[in-house]
Structures are given as structure tokens and as C-alpha cells.
Amino acid sequence: MSEESVSKRDPSVVTPDSLLHTGAGDDVTPEDLVLASGRDVTPETLEWARRRLEKEGRAAIETQLP
């Protein structure tokens, strides 16, 4: 997509939920979860993500994404 076409995109158009996905075939890493949560990747946030992934599995990232 050209820069011009992106800047003229209609902001009222929303991607339908059926087209949004997290790539269910891929393993979720602690770094993926940290980034999806909007946090900086630090040793502390990576440990938080590891614990959450152990407890919740892949569902942990699903709660962070639309």
C-alpha cells in the first residue's frame, strides 16, 4: 500500500472481528504477550508473561487482543 492510500483511509471503517485473529497455529512467547499488553520488554515483564502463559496458556494473549 502506498503512503498516500493509507493516509486517505476512512477512519470510520472498522475491521470485522471475523477477520481479526492471533495466528492460532503459532506458539505464543512471553515476549509476544508482553508486547500485546503494551508493556516494555524487561526481565520483570517477561517473568510476568511466563507465569501468565503457564497459568492460562494461549488464552492469556487472547485477552490482550481485540
Protein backbone atom coordinates (compact mmCIF):
# COMPACT_ATOMS: atom_id res chain seq x y z
CA MET A 1 0.00 0.00 0.00
CA SER A 2 1.28 3.43 -0.79
CA GLU A 3 1.67 6.05 1.89
CA GLU A 4 -0.98 8.13 0.15
CA SER A 5 -3.62 5.38 0.20
CA VAL A 6 -3.03 4.74 3.91
CA SER A 7 -3.46 8.40 4.79
CA LYS A 8 -6.78 8.57 2.89
CA ARG A 9 -8.26 5.50 4.60
CA ASP A 10 -11.72 6.15 6.07
CA PRO A 11 -11.30 6.07 9.88
CA SER A 12 -14.95 5.06 10.33
CA VAL A 13 -14.32 1.71 8.62
CA VAL A 14 -13.62 -0.98 11.20
CA THR A 15 -12.15 -4.42 10.53
CA PRO A 16 -14.79 -7.03 11.40
CA ASP A 17 -13.98 -9.36 14.29
CA SER A 18 -14.16 -12.37 11.98
CA LEU A 19 -11.05 -11.07 10.17
CA LEU A 20 -9.06 -10.40 13.33
CA HIS A 21 -7.01 -13.28 14.65
CA THR A 22 -3.82 -14.00 16.54
CA GLY A 23 -2.37 -16.74 14.37
CA ALA A 24 -3.59 -19.72 16.35
CA GLY A 25 -1.07 -22.01 14.67
CA ASP A 26 1.90 -20.26 16.24
CA ASP A 27 3.25 -20.71 19.74
CA VAL A 28 2.90 -17.63 21.91
CA THR A 29 6.13 -16.47 23.51
CA PRO A 30 6.44 -14.42 26.68
CA GLU A 31 7.72 -11.56 24.50
CA ASP A 32 4.57 -11.78 22.35
CA LEU A 33 2.40 -11.43 25.44
CA VAL A 34 4.41 -8.52 26.81
CA LEU A 35 4.18 -6.65 23.51
CA ALA A 36 0.47 -7.41 23.10
CA SER A 37 -0.14 -5.96 26.56
CA GLY A 38 1.56 -2.71 25.54
CA ARG A 39 4.36 -3.08 28.07
CA ASP A 40 8.09 -2.72 27.55
CA VAL A 41 10.09 -5.93 27.34
CA THR A 42 12.06 -6.14 30.58
CA PRO A 43 13.13 -9.08 32.74
CA GLU A 44 10.19 -8.33 35.05
CA THR A 45 7.55 -8.20 32.32
CA LEU A 46 8.95 -11.33 30.70
CA GLU A 47 8.64 -13.15 34.02
CA TRP A 48 5.07 -11.86 34.40
CA ALA A 49 4.30 -13.17 30.91
CA ARG A 50 5.91 -16.57 31.59
CA ARG A 51 3.80 -17.02 34.72
CA ARG A 52 0.64 -15.95 32.94
CA LEU A 53 1.28 -18.28 29.98
CA GLU A 54 1.91 -21.18 32.37
CA LYS A 55 -1.38 -20.49 34.15
CA GLU A 56 -3.62 -19.54 31.21
CA GLY A 57 -1.89 -20.94 28.13
CA ARG A 58 -2.70 -19.36 24.77
CA ALA A 59 -5.81 -17.73 26.23
CA ALA A 60 -3.52 -15.24 28.00
CA ILE A 61 -2.81 -13.41 24.74
CA GLU A 62 -6.40 -13.61 23.53
CA THR A 63 -7.46 -11.32 26.39
CA GLN A 64 -4.95 -8.71 25.20
CA LEU A 65 -6.10 -8.59 21.59
CA PRO A 66 -9.40 -7.49 20.04
